[in-house]
């Protein structure tokens, strides 16, 4: 890629997790389409995940390059080759994963010392709490990224600061304070960082503290979707907030759309043909994302419930985690054939 020192140069540092990685790379492409030089810094396994879509973007003439960092999995007590959060064999290892992240700071500084042309901005996932130190050292403005909606961010902020969830029993609903609508949750419905037993509270505090000094925050949402919550969240923040989503719209080609995320084991054409055989809005789609840790007995119960609904459905089962047990049940029970 020929680099022009007069073009703006943005460095992207995505978090190693599907729901964070994919939209931030989409945003990187959107900037590259506007004649901004884009450098994506990630680990070998994550670079491989992105290779097809990034290679196509580069072949189309977009000024994008990918630089790789060794991920110190073994040094942090993780299985060798475990470079993504969704590949953790157990969420009990999440603190080890964040330890590995912290070990990336020094090699990343080395990359910044040699980057040409000089970056004019760093766009990074909020989970990299130490990016502030690198940005300060090299005097580069930084913008953080969060893939959640402003509604979710506002709910989390209001619950966390009011501590309303600490005053109720496990199954008791409570109202989120400070919202224009009446929104209720139970503690069991809250994300992990708001769970009283969450063992990463110090990391969560560092994430919030690191927002100080950031030039702004990018959110993968759009104002027409949640206008009141965008406005309310902007009032809370000391820095700018930009809604740039849905970032996935940068994938205009059907092939590019199909390459987002991990590759499915089912033939997509077969799946589309099957969908076309059913009336509009008649098919149930079930997917719990790349971080779910449902046990095989829970998944089996879910599958049997879907079968009992007597409705056509597409059920996405996460690969890797407990894959062998589920494949055995599917084969022996004759679930798909039924």
Protein backbone atom coordinates (compact mmCIF):
# COMPACT_ATOMS: atom_id res chain seq x y z
CA UNK A 1 0.00 0.00 0.00
CA UNK A 2 1.44 3.38 -1.01
CA UNK A 3 1.18 5.76 1.93
CA UNK A 4 0.68 9.50 1.51
CA UNK A 5 2.06 11.52 4.42
CA UNK A 6 -0.54 14.23 3.73
CA UNK A 7 -3.49 11.87 4.29
CA UNK A 8 -4.97 11.52 7.79
CA UNK A 9 -3.74 8.30 9.44
CA UNK A 10 -5.97 6.54 11.99
CA UNK A 11 -4.82 3.54 14.04
CA UNK A 12 -7.50 1.02 15.10
CA UNK A 13 -6.99 -1.28 18.08
CA UNK A 14 -9.96 -3.69 18.35
CA UNK A 15 -10.75 -5.89 21.34
CA UNK A 16 -10.36 -9.63 20.71
CA UNK A 17 -14.03 -10.59 20.76
CA UNK A 18 -16.45 -11.00 17.85
CA UNK A 19 -19.00 -8.41 19.02
CA UNK A 20 -16.25 -5.81 19.45
CA UNK A 21 -13.92 -6.74 16.60
CA UNK A 22 -16.37 -6.91 13.70
CA UNK A 23 -18.12 -3.50 14.08
CA UNK A 24 -14.86 -1.66 14.75
CA UNK A 25 -13.36 -3.10 11.56
CA UNK A 26 -16.50 -1.97 9.71
CA UNK A 27 -15.90 1.55 11.04
CA UNK A 28 -12.28 1.34 9.90
CA UNK A 29 -13.52 0.54 6.40
CA UNK A 30 -15.92 3.49 6.48
CA UNK A 31 -13.01 5.82 7.25
CA UNK A 32 -10.80 4.24 4.59
CA UNK A 33 -13.56 4.88 2.05
CA UNK A 34 -13.14 8.57 2.92
CA UNK A 35 -9.46 8.57 1.97
CA UNK A 36 -8.13 8.05 5.50
CA UNK A 37 -5.10 5.78 5.91
CA UNK A 38 -6.11 2.98 8.30
CA UNK A 39 -3.76 0.77 10.29
CA UNK A 40 -5.38 -2.10 12.21
CA UNK A 41 -3.27 -3.62 14.98
CA UNK A 42 -4.33 -7.03 16.23
CA UNK A 43 -3.07 -10.54 16.96
CA UNK A 44 -2.36 -13.28 14.37
CA UNK A 45 -5.51 -15.31 15.07
CA UNK A 46 -7.74 -12.24 14.86
CA UNK A 47 -5.94 -11.04 11.73
CA UNK A 48 -6.72 -14.42 10.16
CA UNK A 49 -10.40 -14.00 11.04
CA UNK A 50 -10.43 -10.68 9.21
CA UNK A 51 -8.23 -11.66 6.28
CA UNK A 52 -10.89 -12.30 3.63
CA UNK A 53 -12.83 -9.06 4.19
CA UNK A 54 -9.70 -6.95 4.70
CA UNK A 55 -7.95 -8.41 1.66
CA UNK A 56 -11.00 -7.59 -0.47
CA UNK A 57 -11.01 -4.03 0.87
CA UNK A 58 -7.30 -3.63 0.05
CA UNK A 59 -7.78 -5.10 -3.44
CA UNK A 60 -10.51 -2.51 -4.05
CA UNK A 61 -7.95 0.23 -3.42
CA UNK A 62 -8.77 1.17 0.18
CA UNK A 63 -5.72 2.41 2.17
CA UNK A 64 -5.83 -0.28 4.88
CA UNK A 65 -3.03 -2.35 6.39
CA UNK A 66 -2.93 -4.87 9.25
CA UNK A 67 -0.03 -5.13 11.71
CA UNK A 68 0.22 -8.15 14.01
CA UNK A 69 1.14 -8.44 17.69
CA UNK A 70 2.06 -11.69 19.43
CA UNK A 71 -0.63 -12.48 22.01
CA UNK A 72 1.01 -13.77 25.23
CA UNK A 73 -1.54 -16.49 25.99
CA UNK A 74 0.82 -18.96 27.67
CA UNK A 75 2.57 -16.20 29.62
CA UNK A 76 -0.80 -15.21 31.13
CA UNK A 77 -1.81 -18.78 32.00
CA UNK A 78 -4.12 -19.29 29.01
CA UNK A 79 -4.17 -22.26 26.62
CA UNK A 80 -1.75 -21.76 23.74
CA UNK A 81 -3.45 -20.05 20.81
CA UNK A 82 -6.32 -18.66 22.91
CA UNK A 83 -6.38 -15.13 21.48
CA UNK A 84 -10.08 -14.28 21.63
CA UNK A 85 -12.52 -13.93 24.49
CA UNK A 86 -15.02 -16.26 22.82
CA UNK A 87 -12.38 -19.02 22.70
CA UNK A 88 -11.81 -19.06 26.45
CA UNK A 89 -12.54 -22.58 27.72
CA UNK A 90 -13.99 -21.02 30.88
CA UNK A 91 -15.00 -17.49 31.87
CA UNK A 92 -13.04 -18.10 35.08
CA UNK A 93 -9.99 -17.32 32.92
CA UNK A 94 -11.17 -13.82 32.03
CA UNK A 95 -8.74 -12.21 34.50
CA UNK A 96 -5.91 -14.12 32.77
CA UNK A 97 -7.13 -12.77 29.45
CA UNK A 98 -6.95 -9.19 30.73
CA UNK A 99 -3.48 -9.90 32.11
CA UNK A 100 -2.44 -10.92 28.59
CA UNK A 101 -3.94 -7.68 27.26
CA UNK A 102 -1.80 -5.64 29.65
CA UNK A 103 1.32 -7.40 28.33
CA UNK A 104 0.60 -5.95 24.88
CA UNK A 105 1.35 -2.39 25.98
CA UNK A 106 5.13 -2.49 25.56
CA UNK A 107 5.19 -4.18 22.11
CA UNK A 108 2.43 -1.82 20.98
CA UNK A 109 4.55 1.17 22.04
CA UNK A 110 7.38 -0.22 19.91
CA UNK A 111 5.04 -0.31 16.89
CA UNK A 112 4.00 3.31 17.48
CA UNK A 113 7.64 4.40 17.57
CA UNK A 114 8.07 3.10 14.02
CA UNK A 115 4.66 3.93 12.47
CA UNK A 116 4.76 6.00 9.26
CA UNK A 117 3.11 8.31 8.51
CA UNK A 118 2.63 9.63 12.01
CA UNK A 119 -0.88 8.73 13.27
CA UNK A 120 -3.24 11.62 13.90
CA UNK A 121 -5.75 9.55 15.93
CA UNK A 122 -6.12 6.25 17.80
CA UNK A 123 -9.53 4.57 17.81
CA UNK A 124 -9.54 1.81 20.38
CA UNK A 125 -11.87 -0.47 22.30
CA UNK A 126 -12.59 0.71 25.83
CA UNK A 127 -11.23 -2.55 27.24
CA UNK A 128 -7.68 -1.36 26.53
CA UNK A 129 -7.40 0.77 29.64
CA UNK A 130 -3.71 1.57 29.09
CA UNK A 131 -4.09 3.09 25.61
CA UNK A 132 -4.33 6.45 27.39
CA UNK A 133 -0.68 6.09 28.41
CA UNK A 134 0.43 5.35 24.84
CA UNK A 135 -1.64 8.23 23.44
CA UNK A 136 -0.13 10.59 26.02
CA UNK A 137 3.43 9.40 25.36
CA UNK A 138 3.15 9.95 21.59
CA UNK A 139 0.78 12.94 21.89
CA UNK A 140 -1.90 11.39 19.70
CA UNK A 141 -5.62 12.14 20.26
CA UNK A 142 -7.65 9.04 21.14
CA UNK A 143 -11.27 8.10 20.60
CA UNK A 144 -12.79 5.10 22.37
CA UNK A 145 -15.33 2.69 20.92
CA UNK A 146 -18.29 0.89 22.46
CA UNK A 147 -20.46 -1.50 20.49
CA UNK A 148 -23.47 -1.13 22.77
CA UNK A 149 -26.37 1.29 22.29
CA UNK A 150 -26.68 4.59 24.17
CA UNK A 151 -29.72 3.12 25.93
CA UNK A 152 -27.59 0.29 27.32
CA UNK A 153 -24.73 2.62 28.27
CA UNK A 154 -27.13 4.97 30.04
CA UNK A 155 -28.85 2.11 31.91
CA UNK A 156 -25.49 0.72 33.05
CA UNK A 157 -24.32 4.15 34.20
CA UNK A 158 -27.51 4.94 36.13
CA UNK A 159 -27.65 1.52 37.78
CA UNK A 160 -23.97 1.61 38.70
CA UNK A 161 -24.01 5.11 40.19
CA UNK A 162 -27.34 4.74 42.03
CA UNK A 163 -26.55 1.17 43.24
CA UNK A 164 -30.29 0.49 43.09
CA UNK A 165 -29.57 -3.15 42.20
CA UNK A 166 -27.81 -3.67 45.53
CA UNK A 167 -31.00 -2.93 47.48
CA UNK A 168 -33.19 -5.72 46.09
CA UNK A 169 -33.27 -9.51 46.28
CA UNK A 170 -32.19 -11.64 43.31
CA UNK A 171 -35.59 -12.09 41.69
CA UNK A 172 -37.09 -8.73 42.67
CA UNK A 173 -37.59 -6.23 39.81
CA UNK A 174 -36.27 -2.69 40.20
CA UNK A 175 -36.78 0.45 38.12
CA UNK A 176 -33.74 2.03 36.47
CA UNK A 177 -33.58 5.62 37.78
CA UNK A 178 -33.15 8.69 35.62
CA UNK A 179 -34.77 7.40 32.42
CA UNK A 180 -37.65 8.91 30.46
CA UNK A 181 -39.31 5.47 30.24
CA UNK A 182 -40.08 3.00 32.99
CA UNK A 183 -37.48 0.26 32.54
CA UNK A 184 -37.33 -2.67 34.96
CA UNK A 185 -34.70 -5.35 35.50
CA UNK A 186 -33.88 -8.05 38.01
CA UNK A 187 -30.28 -8.55 39.12
CA UNK A 188 -30.17 -11.80 37.16
CA UNK A 189 -30.78 -9.85 33.93
CA UNK A 190 -27.84 -7.49 34.44
CA UNK A 191 -24.51 -7.78 32.60
CA UNK A 192 -21.59 -9.30 34.48
CA UNK A 193 -19.93 -6.02 35.45
CA UNK A 194 -23.05 -5.06 37.45
CA UNK A 195 -23.27 -8.43 39.18
CA UNK A 196 -22.32 -8.21 42.89
CA UNK A 197 -20.16 -11.33 42.48
CA UNK A 198 -18.25 -9.91 39.49
CA UNK A 199 -14.53 -10.49 40.03
CA UNK A 200 -13.31 -7.86 37.57
CA UNK A 201 -14.50 -4.73 39.39
CA UNK A 202 -11.04 -3.15 39.39
CA UNK A 203 -10.82 -3.57 35.62
CA UNK A 204 -14.28 -2.03 35.24
CA UNK A 205 -13.13 0.97 37.30
CA UNK A 206 -10.03 1.34 35.12
CA UNK A 207 -12.18 1.35 31.99
CA UNK A 208 -14.25 4.23 33.37
CA UNK A 209 -11.17 6.12 34.60
CA UNK A 210 -9.45 5.74 31.22
CA UNK A 211 -12.28 7.66 29.55
CA UNK A 212 -10.90 10.81 31.15
CA UNK A 213 -8.90 12.65 28.54
CA UNK A 214 -10.36 10.83 25.53
CA UNK A 215 -11.41 13.17 22.74
CA UNK A 216 -14.65 11.29 22.25
CA UNK A 217 -16.61 8.04 22.11
CA UNK A 218 -17.90 6.20 19.04
CA UNK A 219 -21.10 4.18 19.49
CA UNK A 220 -22.42 1.62 17.01
CA UNK A 221 -25.94 3.04 17.00
CA UNK A 222 -27.90 5.81 15.26
CA UNK A 223 -29.83 8.72 16.72
CA UNK A 224 -33.13 7.97 14.99
CA UNK A 225 -33.25 4.64 16.84
CA UNK A 226 -32.92 6.04 20.36
CA UNK A 227 -32.99 9.84 20.15
CA UNK A 228 -33.86 10.54 23.82
CA UNK A 229 -31.25 8.14 25.15
CA UNK A 230 -28.54 9.48 22.84
CA UNK A 231 -29.27 13.00 24.06
CA UNK A 232 -29.31 11.93 27.72
CA UNK A 233 -26.06 9.99 27.39
CA UNK A 234 -24.34 12.89 25.63
CA UNK A 235 -25.23 15.15 28.55
CA UNK A 236 -23.50 12.72 30.93
CA UNK A 237 -20.25 12.61 29.00
CA UNK A 238 -17.45 15.13 29.26
CA UNK A 239 -16.23 14.19 25.77
CA UNK A 240 -18.01 14.07 22.42
CA UNK A 241 -20.26 11.11 21.53
CA UNK A 242 -20.79 10.07 17.91
CA UNK A 243 -23.39 7.54 16.77
CA UNK A 244 -22.00 6.06 13.54
CA UNK A 245 -24.02 2.86 13.22
CA UNK A 246 -25.14 0.52 12.09
CA UNK A 247 -21.55 0.06 10.93
CA UNK A 248 -22.49 -3.18 9.16
CA UNK A 249 -24.01 -1.13 6.32
CA UNK A 250 -20.52 -0.63 4.93
CA UNK A 251 -20.84 -4.22 3.63
CA UNK A 252 -22.85 -3.54 0.49
CA UNK A 253 -21.80 -6.69 -1.34
CA UNK A 254 -23.52 -9.97 -0.41
CA UNK A 255 -20.16 -11.74 -0.25
CA UNK A 256 -18.82 -9.14 2.22
CA UNK A 257 -21.94 -9.52 4.36
CA UNK A 258 -21.44 -13.29 4.46
CA UNK A 259 -17.79 -12.94 5.53
CA UNK A 260 -18.52 -10.88 8.67
CA UNK A 261 -17.77 -12.84 11.83
CA UNK A 262 -16.88 -16.50 11.92
CA UNK A 263 -17.68 -18.84 9.07
CA UNK A 264 -20.85 -20.88 9.45
CA UNK A 265 -20.67 -24.65 8.99
CA UNK A 266 -24.01 -24.70 7.17
CA UNK A 267 -24.12 -23.85 3.47
CA UNK A 268 -25.64 -20.36 3.23
CA UNK A 269 -27.34 -21.02 -0.12
CA UNK A 270 -29.05 -24.09 1.31
CA UNK A 271 -30.15 -22.01 4.29
CA UNK A 272 -31.55 -19.22 2.08
CA UNK A 273 -33.38 -21.74 -0.11
CA UNK A 274 -34.94 -23.26 3.01
CA UNK A 275 -36.00 -19.81 4.26
CA UNK A 276 -37.61 -19.00 0.91
CA UNK A 277 -39.82 -22.08 1.29
CA UNK A 278 -41.62 -20.55 4.29
CA UNK A 279 -44.07 -17.62 4.49
CA UNK A 280 -42.76 -14.19 5.48
CA UNK A 281 -42.25 -13.69 9.25
CA UNK A 282 -42.96 -17.34 10.06
CA UNK A 283 -39.45 -18.54 11.01
CA UNK A 284 -37.99 -18.28 14.53
CA UNK A 285 -34.30 -17.33 14.68
CA UNK A 286 -32.40 -18.28 17.86
CA UNK A 287 -28.80 -17.22 18.55
CA UNK A 288 -27.12 -16.36 21.86
CA UNK A 289 -23.89 -15.01 20.39
CA UNK A 290 -20.26 -16.04 20.64
CA UNK A 291 -19.90 -15.64 24.42
CA UNK A 292 -22.76 -17.83 25.64
CA UNK A 293 -21.82 -20.64 27.99
CA UNK A 294 -25.04 -22.68 28.00
CA UNK A 295 -24.38 -26.26 29.07
CA UNK A 296 -25.39 -29.19 26.81
CA UNK A 297 -28.41 -30.06 29.04
CA UNK A 298 -29.60 -26.43 28.77
CA UNK A 299 -29.10 -26.42 25.01
CA UNK A 300 -30.95 -29.72 24.66
CA UNK A 301 -33.92 -28.36 26.62
CA UNK A 302 -33.92 -25.29 24.39
CA UNK A 303 -33.88 -27.46 21.28
CA UNK A 304 -36.77 -29.59 22.52
CA UNK A 305 -38.76 -26.45 23.36
CA UNK A 306 -38.20 -25.11 19.84
CA UNK A 307 -39.39 -28.44 18.45
CA UNK A 308 -42.47 -28.33 20.68
CA UNK A 309 -43.36 -24.86 19.35
CA UNK A 310 -44.31 -26.49 16.03
CA UNK A 311 -42.81 -23.51 14.22
CA UNK A 312 -40.01 -23.54 11.64
CA UNK A 313 -36.79 -22.28 13.20
CA UNK A 314 -33.11 -21.63 12.63
CA UNK A 315 -31.08 -22.44 15.72
CA UNK A 316 -27.47 -21.21 15.74
CA UNK A 317 -25.32 -23.32 18.06
CA UNK A 318 -21.93 -21.94 18.95
CA UNK A 319 -19.05 -24.06 17.67
CA UNK A 320 -16.08 -25.08 19.79
CA UNK A 321 -17.56 -24.90 23.28
CA UNK A 322 -18.94 -28.37 24.22
CA UNK A 323 -19.24 -29.00 20.48
CA UNK A 324 -18.62 -32.75 20.72
CA UNK A 325 -21.39 -33.34 23.27
CA UNK A 326 -23.95 -31.45 21.20
CA UNK A 327 -22.96 -33.19 17.96
CA UNK A 328 -23.35 -36.54 19.69
CA UNK A 329 -26.85 -35.66 20.93
CA UNK A 330 -27.93 -34.30 17.55
CA UNK A 331 -26.74 -37.49 15.83
CA UNK A 332 -28.17 -39.97 18.34
CA UNK A 333 -31.48 -38.21 18.96
CA UNK A 334 -32.35 -37.65 15.31
CA UNK A 335 -33.26 -34.04 16.12
CA UNK A 336 -32.53 -32.55 12.68
CA UNK A 337 -34.31 -35.36 10.84
CA UNK A 338 -37.48 -34.81 12.88
